[in-house]
Amino acid sequence: MKWNRFTLKTKTEAEDIVICTLAEVGIEGVEIQDKKPLSEEDKAQMFVDIMPEGPEDDGIAYLNFYLDEDEDKEAVLAKVREALDGLKEFMDIGDATIQESQTEDKDWINNWKEYFHQFYVDDILIVPSWEEVKEEDKDKMILHIDPGTAFGTGMHETTQLVIRQLKKYVKKDTRLLDVGTGSGILGIVALKLGAEVVMGTDLDPCAVPAVTENKEANGIPDEKFHMLIGNIIDDKKVQDQVGYEAYDIAAANILADVLVPLTPVVVNHIKKGGYYITSGILDVKEEVVCEAVKEAGLTLVEVTRQGEWVCVTARKD
């Protein structure tokens, strides 16, 4: 099968928010081509003595995304352009032009694995199934996570921000609601930290096999981690199944534009004294989310940051 490749020209400083905007219209797995210099963290992960000289950063980024030849590309591109036009209203994203080309068929399911290796989030080691745990690491807290092609691994700043908050607030009797479960990484972290039970919700049916596989890889019993597919924001059936004032912590690592309508709903599922941990928030959207939290009657506890991403933690008093 041939794939249609679309290359979107933008600015390096707008990369993340443009990728998030693409995700909002259903486009995942974006490739980034830019000339940004490596960070010190990136350099530390490259086991070479002399770092090669790269080209000078010109401030331009090219974002590649792919559609198979059976998809209605015109309909998809119309959604993309509409979303980009909305984005242009509050920030400079550069040309935002889109060029089309075709690629040869590739093994998209497995090629990405060469880029995902075990790594730490503080003292938690995250390991994919195709790598062995080193002898010196076997006494660490270890998560076996395979994201597949649809969900995250924990490498992104937003996930790491939530993991750090879970480490602060999870106790042995904690009941966690994870909205936008994906690979199940947040729920599995919570259970490894001693949580009693996790309820996950997601819009994508692919989350069910992803969570099932990751539960099995980490020895998590089915009764400890439940999954529902549906939109908790406006689906009363999902809300009823999740249960009201039933959770000590609700976590949502989603985009800010989803957190705003989610917050006044999710507050009904949190116990009094419980915590709401949100991430997926670009720093330019921090005030919007903080305001939504306050309007929902929650007390802002703290805002943590990593790079240009923000995590907002609040309490239901």
C-alpha atoms as a PDB file:
ATOM      1  CA  MET A   1       0.000   0.000   0.000  1.00  0.00           C
ATOM      2  CA  LYS A   2       1.194   3.506  -0.859  1.00  0.00           C
ATOM      3  CA  TRP A   3       1.017   6.335   1.660  1.00  0.00           C
ATOM      4  CA  ASN A   4       0.309   9.997   0.960  1.00  0.00           C
ATOM      5  CA  ARG A   5       2.776  12.180   2.836  1.00  0.00           C
ATOM      6  CA  PHE A   6       1.907  15.770   3.755  1.00  0.00           C
ATOM      7  CA  THR A   7       4.637  18.184   4.807  1.00  0.00           C
ATOM      8  CA  LEU A   8       3.523  21.196   6.817  1.00  0.00           C
ATOM      9  CA  LYS A   9       5.942  24.131   7.005  1.00  0.00           C
ATOM     10  CA  THR A  10       5.905  25.998  10.314  1.00  0.00           C
ATOM     11  CA  LYS A  11       8.240  27.600  12.869  1.00  0.00           C
ATOM     12  CA  THR A  12      10.365  25.590  15.282  1.00  0.00           C
ATOM     13  CA  GLU A  13       8.943  27.557  18.219  1.00  0.00           C
ATOM     14  CA  ALA A  14       5.418  26.499  17.183  1.00  0.00           C
ATOM     15  CA  GLU A  15       6.194  22.790  16.638  1.00  0.00           C
ATOM     16  CA  ASP A  16       4.531  21.452  19.775  1.00  0.00           C
ATOM     17  CA  ILE A  17       1.337  23.422  19.565  1.00  0.00           C
ATOM     18  CA  VAL A  18       0.938  22.666  15.828  1.00  0.00           C
ATOM     19  CA  ILE A  19       1.413  18.941  16.560  1.00  0.00           C
ATOM     20  CA  CYS A  20      -1.199  19.191  19.321  1.00  0.00           C
ATOM     21  CA  THR A  21      -3.548  20.928  16.903  1.00  0.00           C
ATOM     22  CA  LEU A  22      -3.047  18.128  14.375  1.00  0.00           C
ATOM     23  CA  ALA A  23      -3.833  15.596  17.120  1.00  0.00           C
ATOM     24  CA  GLU A  24      -7.095  17.423  17.818  1.00  0.00           C
ATOM     25  CA  VAL A  25      -8.267  16.667  14.265  1.00  0.00           C
ATOM     26  CA  GLY A  26      -7.154  13.036  14.501  1.00  0.00           C
ATOM     27  CA  ILE A  27      -3.619  13.077  13.072  1.00  0.00           C
ATOM     28  CA  GLU A  28      -1.086  11.104  15.112  1.00  0.00           C
ATOM     29  CA  GLY A  29       2.548  10.117  14.568  1.00  0.00           C
ATOM     30  CA  VAL A  30       3.950  13.377  13.194  1.00  0.00           C
ATOM     31  CA  GLU A  31       7.589  13.391  12.021  1.00  0.00           C
ATOM     32  CA  ILE A  32       9.600  16.515  12.829  1.00  0.00           C
ATOM     33  CA  GLN A  33      12.376  17.900  10.641  1.00  0.00           C
ATOM     34  CA  ASP A  34      14.158  20.971  11.960  1.00  0.00           C
ATOM     35  CA  LYS A  35      17.617  22.370  12.699  1.00  0.00           C
ATOM     36  CA  LYS A  36      17.160  23.047  16.396  1.00  0.00           C
ATOM     37  CA  PRO A  37      20.377  22.358  18.308  1.00  0.00           C
ATOM     38  CA  LEU A  38      20.361  19.395  20.682  1.00  0.00           C
ATOM     39  CA  SER A  39      19.608  20.074  24.325  1.00  0.00           C
ATOM     40  CA  GLU A  40      22.069  19.041  27.019  1.00  0.00           C
ATOM     41  CA  GLU A  41      19.738  16.161  27.876  1.00  0.00           C
ATOM     42  CA  ASP A  42      19.702  15.018  24.237  1.00  0.00           C
ATOM     43  CA  LYS A  43      23.500  15.162  24.110  1.00  0.00           C
ATOM     44  CA  ALA A  44      23.792  13.121  27.300  1.00  0.00           C
ATOM     45  CA  GLN A  45      21.827  10.322  25.644  1.00  0.00           C
ATOM     46  CA  MET A  46      24.143  10.198  22.605  1.00  0.00           C
ATOM     47  CA  PHE A  47      27.078   8.016  23.527  1.00  0.00           C
ATOM     48  CA  VAL A  48      29.717   9.757  21.458  1.00  0.00           C
ATOM     49  CA  ASP A  49      32.845  11.637  22.528  1.00  0.00           C
ATOM     50  CA  ILE A  50      32.647  14.449  19.983  1.00  0.00           C
ATOM     51  CA  MET A  51      29.307  15.927  19.016  1.00  0.00           C
ATOM     52  CA  PRO A  52      29.002  16.547  15.264  1.00  0.00           C
ATOM     53  CA  GLU A  53      28.438  20.110  14.107  1.00  0.00           C
ATOM     54  CA  GLY A  54      24.894  20.610  12.890  1.00  0.00           C
ATOM     55  CA  PRO A  55      23.485  23.246  10.546  1.00  0.00           C
ATOM     56  CA  GLU A  56      22.555  26.606  11.982  1.00  0.00           C
ATOM     57  CA  ASP A  57      18.981  26.808  13.227  1.00  0.00           C
ATOM     58  CA  ASP A  58      16.912  28.733  10.691  1.00  0.00           C
ATOM     59  CA  GLY A  59      13.742  28.716  12.797  1.00  0.00           C
ATOM     60  CA  ILE A  60      11.859  26.587  10.271  1.00  0.00           C
ATOM     61  CA  ALA A  61      10.309  23.181  10.976  1.00  0.00           C
ATOM     62  CA  TYR A  62       8.716  20.674   8.632  1.00  0.00           C
ATOM     63  CA  LEU A  63       6.085  18.356  10.090  1.00  0.00           C
ATOM     64  CA  ASN A  64       5.291  15.216   8.095  1.00  0.00           C
ATOM     65  CA  PHE A  65       2.070  13.271   8.545  1.00  0.00           C
ATOM     66  CA  TYR A  66       0.724  10.343   6.554  1.00  0.00           C
ATOM     67  CA  LEU A  67      -2.631   9.197   5.199  1.00  0.00           C
ATOM     68  CA  ASP A  68      -3.194   5.904   3.436  1.00  0.00           C
ATOM     69  CA  GLU A  69      -4.443   6.012  -0.117  1.00  0.00           C
ATOM     70  CA  ASP A  70      -7.982   4.980   0.904  1.00  0.00           C
ATOM     71  CA  GLU A  71      -8.543   7.945   3.207  1.00  0.00           C
ATOM     72  CA  ASP A  72     -10.472  11.027   2.094  1.00  0.00           C
ATOM     73  CA  LYS A  73      -7.473  13.320   2.058  1.00  0.00           C
ATOM     74  CA  GLU A  74      -9.444  16.397   0.989  1.00  0.00           C
ATOM     75  CA  ALA A  75     -11.743  16.089   4.006  1.00  0.00           C
ATOM     76  CA  VAL A  76      -8.791  15.601   6.348  1.00  0.00           C
ATOM     77  CA  LEU A  77      -6.856  18.511   4.874  1.00  0.00           C
ATOM     78  CA  ALA A  78      -9.909  20.765   5.152  1.00  0.00           C
ATOM     79  CA  LYS A  79     -10.047  20.016   8.907  1.00  0.00           C
ATOM     80  CA  VAL A  80      -6.304  20.616   9.228  1.00  0.00           C
ATOM     81  CA  ARG A  81      -6.440  23.978   7.454  1.00  0.00           C
ATOM     82  CA  GLU A  82      -9.450  25.092   9.505  1.00  0.00           C
ATOM     83  CA  ALA A  83      -7.632  24.191  12.729  1.00  0.00           C
ATOM     84  CA  LEU A  84      -4.459  25.974  11.612  1.00  0.00           C
ATOM     85  CA  ASP A  85      -6.446  29.093  10.705  1.00  0.00           C
ATOM     86  CA  GLY A  86      -7.829  29.097  14.253  1.00  0.00           C
ATOM     87  CA  LEU A  87      -4.332  28.706  15.678  1.00  0.00           C
ATOM     88  CA  LYS A  88      -3.043  31.653  13.639  1.00  0.00           C
ATOM     89  CA  GLU A  89      -5.428  33.935  15.511  1.00  0.00           C
ATOM     90  CA  PHE A  90      -3.345  33.803  18.684  1.00  0.00           C
ATOM     91  CA  MET A  91       0.184  32.879  17.608  1.00  0.00           C
ATOM     92  CA  ASP A  92       2.605  33.047  14.686  1.00  0.00           C
ATOM     93  CA  ILE A  93       2.978  29.576  13.171  1.00  0.00           C
ATOM     94  CA  GLY A  94       4.792  30.650  10.016  1.00  0.00           C
ATOM     95  CA  ASP A  95       3.725  29.775   6.485  1.00  0.00           C
ATOM     96  CA  ALA A  96       1.589  26.759   7.471  1.00  0.00           C
ATOM     97  CA  THR A  97       1.738  25.607   3.852  1.00  0.00           C
ATOM     98  CA  ILE A  98       1.208  21.917   3.092  1.00  0.00           C
ATOM     99  CA  GLN A  99       3.003  19.989   0.333  1.00  0.00           C
ATOM    100  CA  GLU A 100       1.898  16.518  -0.775  1.00  0.00           C
ATOM    101  CA  SER A 101       4.075  13.597  -1.920  1.00  0.00           C
ATOM    102  CA  GLN A 102       3.913   9.797  -1.970  1.00  0.00           C
ATOM    103  CA  THR A 103       6.005   7.246  -0.092  1.00  0.00           C
ATOM    104  CA  GLU A 104       6.741   3.592  -0.613  1.00  0.00           C
ATOM    105  CA  ASP A 105       5.052   1.089   1.664  1.00  0.00           C
ATOM    106  CA  LYS A 106       6.898   0.685   4.992  1.00  0.00           C
ATOM    107  CA  ASP A 107       6.634  -1.374   8.136  1.00  0.00           C
ATOM    108  CA  TRP A 108       5.065   1.463  10.127  1.00  0.00           C
ATOM    109  CA  ILE A 109       4.104  -0.883  12.950  1.00  0.00           C
ATOM    110  CA  ASN A 110       7.676  -1.767  13.874  1.00  0.00           C
ATOM    111  CA  ASN A 111      10.046   0.856  12.475  1.00  0.00           C
ATOM    112  CA  TRP A 112       9.431   3.259  15.365  1.00  0.00           C
ATOM    113  CA  LYS A 113      10.830   0.733  17.862  1.00  0.00           C
ATOM    114  CA  GLU A 114      14.409   1.659  17.007  1.00  0.00           C
ATOM    115  CA  TYR A 115      13.789   5.065  18.615  1.00  0.00           C
ATOM    116  CA  PHE A 116      12.219   3.864  21.880  1.00  0.00           C
ATOM    117  CA  HIS A 117      14.610   2.548  24.531  1.00  0.00           C
ATOM    118  CA  GLN A 118      14.340   2.157  28.281  1.00  0.00           C
ATOM    119  CA  PHE A 119      14.607   5.378  30.276  1.00  0.00           C
ATOM    120  CA  TYR A 120      14.035   6.818  33.737  1.00  0.00           C
ATOM    121  CA  VAL A 121      11.408   9.204  35.035  1.00  0.00           C
ATOM    122  CA  ASP A 122      13.197  10.109  38.263  1.00  0.00           C
ATOM    123  CA  ASP A 123      13.549   6.705  39.993  1.00  0.00           C
ATOM    124  CA  ILE A 124      11.003   4.847  37.841  1.00  0.00           C
ATOM    125  CA  LEU A 125      12.445   2.798  34.966  1.00  0.00           C
ATOM    126  CA  ILE A 126      10.258   2.388  31.869  1.00  0.00           C
ATOM    127  CA  VAL A 127      11.213  -0.547  29.646  1.00  0.00           C
ATOM    128  CA  PRO A 128       9.729  -1.730  26.306  1.00  0.00           C
ATOM    129  CA  SER A 129       9.073  -5.446  25.849  1.00  0.00           C
ATOM    130  CA  TRP A 130      11.917  -5.923  23.359  1.00  0.00           C
ATOM    131  CA  GLU A 131      14.592  -4.799  25.835  1.00  0.00           C
ATOM    132  CA  GLU A 132      16.016  -6.666  28.822  1.00  0.00           C
ATOM    133  CA  VAL A 133      16.205  -5.112  32.280  1.00  0.00           C
ATOM    134  CA  LYS A 134      19.842  -4.735  33.262  1.00  0.00           C
ATOM    135  CA  GLU A 135      21.001  -6.620  36.328  1.00  0.00           C
ATOM    136  CA  GLU A 136      21.846  -3.404  38.186  1.00  0.00           C
ATOM    137  CA  ASP A 137      18.320  -2.069  37.599  1.00  0.00           C
ATOM    138  CA  LYS A 138      16.325  -5.061  38.840  1.00  0.00           C
ATOM    139  CA  ASP A 139      15.766  -3.540  42.302  1.00  0.00           C
ATOM    140  CA  LYS A 140      14.158  -0.390  40.808  1.00  0.00           C
ATOM    141  CA  MET A 141      10.458   0.298  40.252  1.00  0.00           C
ATOM    142  CA  ILE A 142      10.059  -1.005  36.706  1.00  0.00           C
ATOM    143  CA  LEU A 143       7.219  -0.414  34.252  1.00  0.00           C
ATOM    144  CA  HIS A 144       6.959  -2.490  31.105  1.00  0.00           C
ATOM    145  CA  ILE A 145       5.194  -0.245  28.590  1.00  0.00           C
ATOM    146  CA  ASP A 146       4.603  -0.861  24.901  1.00  0.00           C
ATOM    147  CA  PRO A 147       2.811   2.095  23.333  1.00  0.00           C
ATOM    148  CA  GLY A 148       2.088   0.441  19.969  1.00  0.00           C
ATOM    149  CA  THR A 149       1.512   3.055  17.287  1.00  0.00           C
ATOM    150  CA  ALA A 150      -1.238   5.043  18.994  1.00  0.00           C
ATOM    151  CA  PHE A 151      -0.279   5.926  22.546  1.00  0.00           C
ATOM    152  CA  GLY A 152       2.461   7.447  24.635  1.00  0.00           C
ATOM    153  CA  THR A 153       5.408   5.864  26.395  1.00  0.00           C
ATOM    154  CA  GLY A 154       6.063   8.297  29.225  1.00  0.00           C
ATOM    155  CA  MET A 155       8.872  10.059  27.383  1.00  0.00           C
ATOM    156  CA  HIS A 156       6.841  13.219  26.838  1.00  0.00           C
ATOM    157  CA  GLU A 157       7.111  16.011  29.395  1.00  0.00           C
ATOM    158  CA  THR A 158       3.355  16.050  30.052  1.00  0.00           C
ATOM    159  CA  THR A 159       3.284  12.406  31.141  1.00  0.00           C
ATOM    160  CA  GLN A 160       6.354  12.859  33.315  1.00  0.00           C
ATOM    161  CA  LEU A 161       4.756  15.837  35.042  1.00  0.00           C
ATOM    162  CA  VAL A 162       1.703  13.753  35.976  1.00  0.00           C
ATOM    163  CA  ILE A 163       3.853  10.818  37.125  1.00  0.00           C
ATOM    164  CA  ARG A 164       5.688  13.126  39.535  1.00  0.00           C
ATOM    165  CA  GLN A 165       2.392  14.356  40.972  1.00  0.00           C
ATOM    166  CA  LEU A 166       1.119  10.794  41.366  1.00  0.00           C
ATOM    167  CA  LYS A 167       4.257  10.040  43.368  1.00  0.00           C
ATOM    168  CA  LYS A 168       3.278  12.868  45.740  1.00  0.00           C
ATOM    169  CA  TYR A 169      -0.405  12.078  46.206  1.00  0.00           C
ATOM    170  CA  VAL A 170      -1.027   8.337  45.673  1.00  0.00           C
ATOM    171  CA  LYS A 171      -1.548   6.356  48.874  1.00  0.00           C
ATOM    172  CA  LYS A 172      -2.285   2.679  49.517  1.00  0.00           C
ATOM    173  CA  ASP A 173      -6.078   3.132  49.458  1.00  0.00           C
ATOM    174  CA  THR A 174      -6.141   5.559  46.498  1.00  0.00           C
ATOM    175  CA  ARG A 175      -8.818   5.142  43.854  1.00  0.00           C
ATOM    176  CA  LEU A 176      -7.708   6.779  40.598  1.00  0.00           C
ATOM    177  CA  LEU A 177      -9.773   7.975  37.646  1.00  0.00           C
ATOM    178  CA  ASP A 178      -7.609   8.314  34.520  1.00  0.00           C
ATOM    179  CA  VAL A 179      -9.350  10.252  31.746  1.00  0.00           C
ATOM    180  CA  GLY A 180      -7.692   9.669  28.366  1.00  0.00           C
ATOM    181  CA  THR A 181      -5.975   6.470  29.467  1.00  0.00           C
ATOM    182  CA  GLY A 182      -4.109   5.642  26.238  1.00  0.00           C
ATOM    183  CA  SER A 183      -1.430   3.057  26.974  1.00  0.00           C
ATOM    184  CA  GLY A 184      -2.461   2.910  30.638  1.00  0.00           C
ATOM    185  CA  ILE A 185       0.883   4.212  31.875  1.00  0.00           C
ATOM    186  CA  LEU A 186      -0.538   6.581  34.512  1.00  0.00           C
ATOM    187  CA  GLY A 187      -2.844   3.954  35.958  1.00  0.00           C
ATOM    188  CA  ILE A 188      -0.055   1.388  36.073  1.00  0.00           C
ATOM    189  CA  VAL A 189       2.262   3.876  37.803  1.00  0.00           C
ATOM    190  CA  ALA A 190      -0.455   4.565  40.392  1.00  0.00           C
ATOM    191  CA  LEU A 191      -0.973   0.844  41.053  1.00  0.00           C
ATOM    192  CA  LYS A 192       2.777   0.299  41.347  1.00  0.00           C
ATOM    193  CA  LEU A 193       2.804   3.132  43.892  1.00  0.00           C
ATOM    194  CA  GLY A 194       0.174   1.286  45.920  1.00  0.00           C
ATOM    195  CA  ALA A 195      -3.183   2.557  44.611  1.00  0.00           C
ATOM    196  CA  GLU A 196      -6.178   0.317  45.284  1.00  0.00           C
ATOM    197  CA  VAL A 197      -7.913   0.513  41.911  1.00  0.00           C
ATOM    198  CA  VAL A 198      -7.897   2.464  38.638  1.00  0.00           C
ATOM    199  CA  MET A 199     -10.792   3.372  36.349  1.00  0.00           C
ATOM    200  CA  GLY A 200      -9.692   4.480  32.899  1.00  0.00           C
ATOM    201  CA  THR A 201     -11.730   6.129  30.158  1.00  0.00           C
ATOM    202  CA  ASP A 202     -10.741   6.805  26.560  1.00  0.00           C
ATOM    203  CA  LEU A 203     -12.387   7.718  23.264  1.00  0.00           C
ATOM    204  CA  ASP A 204     -10.229   5.317  21.233  1.00  0.00           C
ATOM    205  CA  PRO A 205     -11.222   1.623  21.316  1.00  0.00           C
ATOM    206  CA  CYS A 206      -7.537   0.798  20.661  1.00  0.00           C
ATOM    207  CA  ALA A 207      -6.900   1.779  24.284  1.00  0.00           C
ATOM    208  CA  VAL A 208      -8.516  -1.459  25.459  1.00  0.00           C
ATOM    209  CA  PRO A 209      -5.966  -3.882  23.921  1.00  0.00           C
ATOM    210  CA  ALA A 210      -3.130  -1.457  24.709  1.00  0.00           C
ATOM    211  CA  VAL A 211      -4.071  -1.336  28.391  1.00  0.00           C
ATOM    212  CA  THR A 212      -4.718  -5.094  28.474  1.00  0.00           C
ATOM    213  CA  GLU A 213      -1.250  -5.866  27.110  1.00  0.00           C
ATOM    214  CA  ASN A 214       0.463  -3.423  29.465  1.00  0.00           C
ATOM    215  CA  LYS A 215      -1.477  -4.746  32.465  1.00  0.00           C
ATOM    216  CA  GLU A 216      -0.335  -8.265  31.639  1.00  0.00           C
ATOM    217  CA  ALA A 217       3.268  -7.145  31.153  1.00  0.00           C
ATOM    218  CA  ASN A 218       3.235  -5.573  34.632  1.00  0.00           C
ATOM    219  CA  GLY A 219       1.322  -8.304  36.450  1.00  0.00           C
ATOM    220  CA  ILE A 220      -1.717  -6.090  37.085  1.00  0.00           C
ATOM    221  CA  PRO A 221      -4.897  -8.123  37.823  1.00  0.00           C
ATOM    222  CA  ASP A 222      -7.988  -7.195  35.781  1.00  0.00           C
ATOM    223  CA  GLU A 223      -9.948  -6.266  38.899  1.00  0.00           C
ATOM    224  CA  LYS A 224      -7.389  -3.568  39.693  1.00  0.00           C
ATOM    225  CA  PHE A 225      -7.658  -1.668  36.387  1.00  0.00           C
ATOM    226  CA  HIS A 226     -11.002  -1.166  34.623  1.00  0.00           C
ATOM    227  CA  MET A 227     -11.541   0.461  31.219  1.00  0.00           C
ATOM    228  CA  LEU A 228     -14.487   2.269  29.636  1.00  0.00           C
ATOM    229  CA  ILE A 229     -14.682   3.551  26.068  1.00  0.00           C
ATOM    230  CA  GLY A 230     -16.699   6.736  25.652  1.00  0.00           C
ATOM    231  CA  ASN A 231     -16.729  10.485  26.244  1.00  0.00           C
ATOM    232  CA  ILE A 232     -17.074  11.237  29.940  1.00  0.00           C
ATOM    233  CA  ILE A 233     -17.677  14.916  29.131  1.00  0.00           C
ATOM    234  CA  ASP A 234     -21.112  14.432  27.592  1.00  0.00           C
ATOM    235  CA  ASP A 235     -22.013  10.732  27.854  1.00  0.00           C
ATOM    236  CA  LYS A 236     -24.251  10.229  30.909  1.00  0.00           C
ATOM    237  CA  LYS A 237     -23.918   6.447  30.650  1.00  0.00           C
ATOM    238  CA  VAL A 238     -20.121   6.691  30.960  1.00  0.00           C
ATOM    239  CA  GLN A 239     -20.464   9.135  33.853  1.00  0.00           C
ATOM    240  CA  ASP A 240     -22.826   6.762  35.681  1.00  0.00           C
ATOM    241  CA  GLN A 241     -20.544   3.775  35.110  1.00  0.00           C
ATOM    242  CA  VAL A 242     -17.527   5.694  36.379  1.00  0.00           C
ATOM    243  CA  GLY A 243     -19.388   6.663  39.562  1.00  0.00           C
ATOM    244  CA  TYR A 244     -19.793   9.902  41.489  1.00  0.00           C
ATOM    245  CA  GLU A 245     -17.549  11.196  44.297  1.00  0.00           C
ATOM    246  CA  ALA A 246     -15.732   7.871  44.061  1.00  0.00           C
ATOM    247  CA  TYR A 247     -12.091   8.815  43.410  1.00  0.00           C
ATOM    248  CA  ASP A 248      -9.276  10.190  45.527  1.00  0.00           C
ATOM    249  CA  ILE A 249      -7.445  11.374  42.396  1.00  0.00           C
ATOM    250  CA  ALA A 250      -8.591  12.179  38.875  1.00  0.00           C
ATOM    251  CA  ALA A 251      -5.798  12.511  36.311  1.00  0.00           C
ATOM    252  CA  ALA A 252      -6.172  13.897  32.802  1.00  0.00           C
ATOM    253  CA  ASN A 253      -3.184  14.261  30.499  1.00  0.00           C
ATOM    254  CA  ILE A 254      -5.111  15.860  27.644  1.00  0.00           C
ATOM    255  CA  LEU A 255      -4.950  19.089  25.665  1.00  0.00           C
ATOM    256  CA  ALA A 256      -6.056  22.300  27.362  1.00  0.00           C
ATOM    257  CA  ASP A 257      -9.004  22.745  24.999  1.00  0.00           C
ATOM    258  CA  VAL A 258     -10.406  19.435  26.257  1.00  0.00           C
ATOM    259  CA  LEU A 259      -9.576  20.094  29.915  1.00  0.00           C
ATOM    260  CA  VAL A 260     -11.779  23.210  29.969  1.00  0.00           C
ATOM    261  CA  PRO A 261     -15.091  21.358  29.308  1.00  0.00           C
ATOM    262  CA  LEU A 262     -13.862  18.257  31.188  1.00  0.00           C
ATOM    263  CA  THR A 263     -13.105  19.994  34.493  1.00  0.00           C
ATOM    264  CA  PRO A 264     -16.670  20.902  35.608  1.00  0.00           C
ATOM    265  CA  VAL A 265     -17.710  17.323  34.796  1.00  0.00           C
ATOM    266  CA  VAL A 266     -14.836  15.423  36.386  1.00  0.00           C
ATOM    267  CA  VAL A 267     -15.207  17.340  39.656  1.00  0.00           C
ATOM    268  CA  ASN A 268     -18.403  15.333  40.261  1.00  0.00           C
ATOM    269  CA  HIS A 269     -16.411  12.088  40.274  1.00  0.00           C
ATOM    270  CA  ILE A 270     -13.814  13.206  42.838  1.00  0.00           C
ATOM    271  CA  LYS A 271     -14.264  12.685  46.582  1.00  0.00           C
ATOM    272  CA  LYS A 272     -14.136  15.667  48.907  1.00  0.00           C
ATOM    273  CA  GLY A 273     -10.484  16.232  49.734  1.00  0.00           C
ATOM    274  CA  GLY A 274      -9.460  14.505  46.501  1.00  0.00           C
ATOM    275  CA  TYR A 275      -7.055  15.817  43.891  1.00  0.00           C
ATOM    276  CA  TYR A 276      -7.365  16.706  40.216  1.00  0.00           C
ATOM    277  CA  ILE A 277      -4.073  16.417  38.289  1.00  0.00           C
ATOM    278  CA  THR A 278      -4.078  17.805  34.758  1.00  0.00           C
ATOM    279  CA  SER A 279      -1.403  18.113  32.113  1.00  0.00           C
ATOM    280  CA  GLY A 280      -1.040  18.375  28.346  1.00  0.00           C
ATOM    281  CA  ILE A 281      -1.105  22.147  28.863  1.00  0.00           C
ATOM    282  CA  LEU A 282       1.170  24.463  26.908  1.00  0.00           C
ATOM    283  CA  ASP A 283       2.340  27.399  29.017  1.00  0.00           C
ATOM    284  CA  VAL A 284       0.305  29.804  26.864  1.00  0.00           C
ATOM    285  CA  LYS A 285      -2.857  27.983  28.007  1.00  0.00           C
ATOM    286  CA  GLU A 286      -1.979  27.857  31.736  1.00  0.00           C
ATOM    287  CA  GLU A 287      -4.298  30.694  32.744  1.00  0.00           C
ATOM    288  CA  VAL A 288      -7.213  29.209  30.809  1.00  0.00           C
ATOM    289  CA  VAL A 289      -6.948  25.869  32.647  1.00  0.00           C
ATOM    290  CA  CYS A 290      -6.360  27.489  36.052  1.00  0.00           C
ATOM    291  CA  GLU A 291      -9.472  29.603  35.530  1.00  0.00           C
ATOM    292  CA  ALA A 292     -11.520  26.503  34.572  1.00  0.00           C
ATOM    293  CA  VAL A 293     -10.297  24.778  37.739  1.00  0.00           C
ATOM    294  CA  LYS A 294     -11.349  27.721  39.925  1.00  0.00           C
ATOM    295  CA  GLU A 295     -14.725  28.079  38.186  1.00  0.00           C
ATOM    296  CA  ALA A 296     -15.395  24.386  38.925  1.00  0.00           C
ATOM    297  CA  GLY A 297     -14.996  25.138  42.636  1.00  0.00           C
ATOM    298  CA  LEU A 298     -11.598  23.500  43.039  1.00  0.00           C
ATOM    299  CA  THR A 299      -8.706  24.974  45.014  1.00  0.00           C
ATOM    300  CA  LEU A 300      -5.479  25.402  43.073  1.00  0.00           C
ATOM    301  CA  VAL A 301      -2.715  23.519  44.905  1.00  0.00           C
ATOM    302  CA  GLU A 302       0.301  23.905  42.639  1.00  0.00           C
ATOM    303  CA  VAL A 303       1.491  24.414  39.084  1.00  0.00           C
ATOM    304  CA  THR A 304       4.560  22.455  37.961  1.00  0.00           C
ATOM    305  CA  ARG A 305       6.474  22.908  34.732  1.00  0.00           C
ATOM    306  CA  GLN A 306       8.812  21.063  32.412  1.00  0.00           C
ATOM    307  CA  GLY A 307       9.999  22.854  29.294  1.00  0.00           C
ATOM    308  CA  GLU A 308       7.019  24.678  27.802  1.00  0.00           C
ATOM    309  CA  TRP A 309       4.514  22.257  29.371  1.00  0.00           C
ATOM    310  CA  VAL A 310       2.476  22.795  32.521  1.00  0.00           C
ATOM    311  CA  CYS A 311       0.767  20.517  35.047  1.00  0.00           C
ATOM    312  CA  VAL A 312      -2.028  21.960  37.200  1.00  0.00           C
ATOM    313  CA  THR A 313      -2.956  20.215  40.460  1.00  0.00           C
ATOM    314  CA  ALA A 314      -6.095  21.188  42.380  1.00  0.00           C
ATOM    315  CA  ARG A 315      -8.092  19.917  45.361  1.00  0.00           C
ATOM    316  CA  LYS A 316     -11.815  19.436  45.948  1.00  0.00           C
ATOM    317  CA  ASP A 317     -12.507  20.889  49.402  1.00  0.00           C
END
